[in-house]
Every structure is written in C-alpha cells, then in structure tokens.
Amino acid sequence: MSLDASILTQNAKMEPISHRRPPRAYLNWNLNFLLAFCFCVFAILQGCLYVVKPDFEYIIGKYRAADDFISRPQHVTKEKYIRDPISIAVNWDHLLQSKADSCELIQDRKVAPLPVIFVALGRSGSSISWSTIAKMMGDANPEKAFEITGHINEESVEFFNSSIPDEFAETWPSDYICDLQHNFTTAKAEEDGVSESDYEGHGIVGFQWKPYIASYGEKGIYGFQNIANRKIPVLYQTRNPINVRLSNMRHDSQKYQTANRLSPHCAIGDDECLQRHFEANRQFEFLVGKKLMNWLKSSERLKQKVLDTFDDMHIEYVHVEYEKLYENMNKTVNEWAKIFKFLSMENKTVDSLTIEEVQSQYTMAKTSNKTHKDIMSNYEAVKKTLRGTKFYNLLD
C-alpha cells in the first residue's frame, strides 16, 4: 500500500472532531461563562439606568421599613381608615386656569401672606404650630394647612402616583400655593367685604406635606426641586417617635367608634372634649426588643432622609422639634425664635419675644399629661430594651 493510501485509510477510521461529544466539564464551563456574561450585561444596563434616572426603587426599598412603622398603626388595616377632613382633593381644573393666567408668587408681605410649606408626620403638633405661627405673623384668623399630599400613606401613594396631572408634574407645589396666596391678598379681602383692619395681607399660607415614602417618587422629587427653585420656605417639625406612636395608639383605640369619637384636637376651654381625651388615656402595650430597636432606627433614617433631601436640593428650611417648642422645662423661646427669624420677622420683634407671648396665641389645649410609665403597660421591658442605647433618652 502506498503512503498516501495509508494516510487516507487512517483518516477514514478517525471520527471528525466536529462531531465528537464535548466533555461534561467543558459544557458546564460554557454554561457558567454564558450566565456570567448575561449577568454582566444586566449589571451594566442597570448602571446606565441609575446614571440617567434617580434610583427611586432603592430609596423605596431602603426606607420601606420606616414607612411601614410610622405611617400606619400596626393594628389598623387601610380599609378602616376614614378620610380626615383636613385631607382634601386638589381642584386641578381650577389650578389649570390659574396656571394659564401665569400666577406669580407675591413677595410684598403687606399685600399677601407669606407662602410656606409645612413638612411633618401626623401627631407631631403641626396643627397648633401652624396656627400659632400664623397668628404671631399677624393673621388673626389663620387658615389651616391642608394635607393635600395625603393624610395617610395610602392617600399619599394615590396623590403622587395618579392624582397629579402631567401639566403640573414639575410645578405642582408652586402652582397650588400661588393660587392659594392670591386668594388671600388685600385686594381679594376687599372684594369679599373684609375690612383692611381685619386683614392686611399678613400671616402665612400654604399646605402640609407628610413625608411618606411615596414622596420620593418622580413627582415628589420634582416637587422638591420646584420648592427649591421658587425659594418657598419649608418648616420641618419632628417629634419624639415614641410620643408620636403613643398618640396614634390612643387615638386609634377610639377612632372608629360611632359615638363620642375622639377629635384630633381640643380647643382651649372645651372641657367636654378634654374630658373625653383624658378618659381615653388608658395603658397600651408598647414595642420591645428587636422590634422596638428596628422601628426606632427606621424612624431615625426617615428623618435623616428628609433632612438630606432638603440639603441636597438646596431647599430653604428650618428644622424644629416639638419637645423644644411645647415641653420646654426652662421656658425659653429659642426654638420659636428660630422659626420667626427664618420667616424674616423683624429682628427687634424676635429679640424681645417671650414664651408667654407665644403661648398666648395657642388655640389648642394639651390633651394628655401622663408619662410613658403611666401609658405603657410594659414600661420596664421597654426601658430594659433601650438601656445603654442612643435611644434611651427618648424615654421619660
């Protein structure tokens, strides 16, 4: 046999390499490589989305715990919620006409009240603070700061996700507050038959924004940017989260009674209202252990998130604490002075301000004077949980 014939015979006996079954390890390596490649492509695409658009999902995920603990009482389902009268629906059709008329915020305080946005969660003393500030700023009969962004978390989700028309997506805070301000000018007062001595354009006008997690969606972020761009001052009031929760527990325990339901507040001198509140001051079992610590940490993160948002977006704001305003054992007026200096009250007036002068403008009475030990049925267990932590001083 010739050499060429021998080579051909050997090749005929060999199986072509392209038809051989690859070893199993080789298959596994290819599969792993493919999965790793797909994961890298996915990660790169996600990174591009993050650069182009704020990572709202991350914010929601990070602060969902705080929202769950603070926005809704643990023993109440959303189906039981009753819309609060201070939570109102915005008349967008009316605002559309105002927007078409190119509404501009009025800067002259002698002509119109100062536009202000009040940021605070429920049971943080926002109602009495708003009323007191407005009266101190010169409005004898101030309007309420309606909670247009939602009284409860579910309403906030509805407001930011479906209520705001596209025409207002980026400017809804200034559009709303501008129209509101123009309804309380001296000229408007004269049209309505209000004498100049009764109203001279003083005071404040605006709305309350409860910073639930829905506030950090797209239209909420646009709202913050709009507030910064239009330089609308923001008052941010916080309260000891333990007191907020206890207040919610007390109100929610009787909120759904058909008769003698607790009102949110009591006017000074309304003895019947105060009596109902004092009778509702029973004991409650509070969170303890890991649940309590996680809740307090979530509350702290949410407060810091609000402050960071204001700072990052260059919003003009002042942060005050309920306890320093209303439970000031030294009877100092420093926390109130912070507010009035921020709102540009005359320096001479602020410097001579006294706590008695501020208290004389209160329209609501204190509805509970009990301590944490009186209200918590498991006070010692709560105290044991907090001892040695940075949250221990929240307990009285």
Foldseek 3Di string as FASTA:
>chain_A
DDPVVVVVVVVVVDDPPVPDDDDPVVVVVVVVVVVVVVVVVVVVVVVVVVVVDPPLVVLCVVQVLLLVPQQDQPVDDPVLDDADPLADEDPVVVLVVVVVVVQDADDDQQWWEAEEEEEEAPPQCPFQVQQLQQVVFPQPDDDTARAHCDNGPVSVLCCLPPRDDPVCLQAVQCSVSSVVGVCQTPVNCVVVVHDCVNPRNTGYDGHYYYPRSSLSPRSNLSHLLNLQVSQREYEYEYELSVSSNLLVVLQVVQCPDPPPRQDSFAFPPPVVNLVSLVVSLAADADDFDPVVVSNVVSNVVSVVVVVVSCVVSVHHYDYAYSCVLPVPPVQACVRVLSVCVSVPDPPVPSVPDGSVVSVVSGGTDDNDDDFNVRHYPPVVRRCVRCPPHPCNVSHD
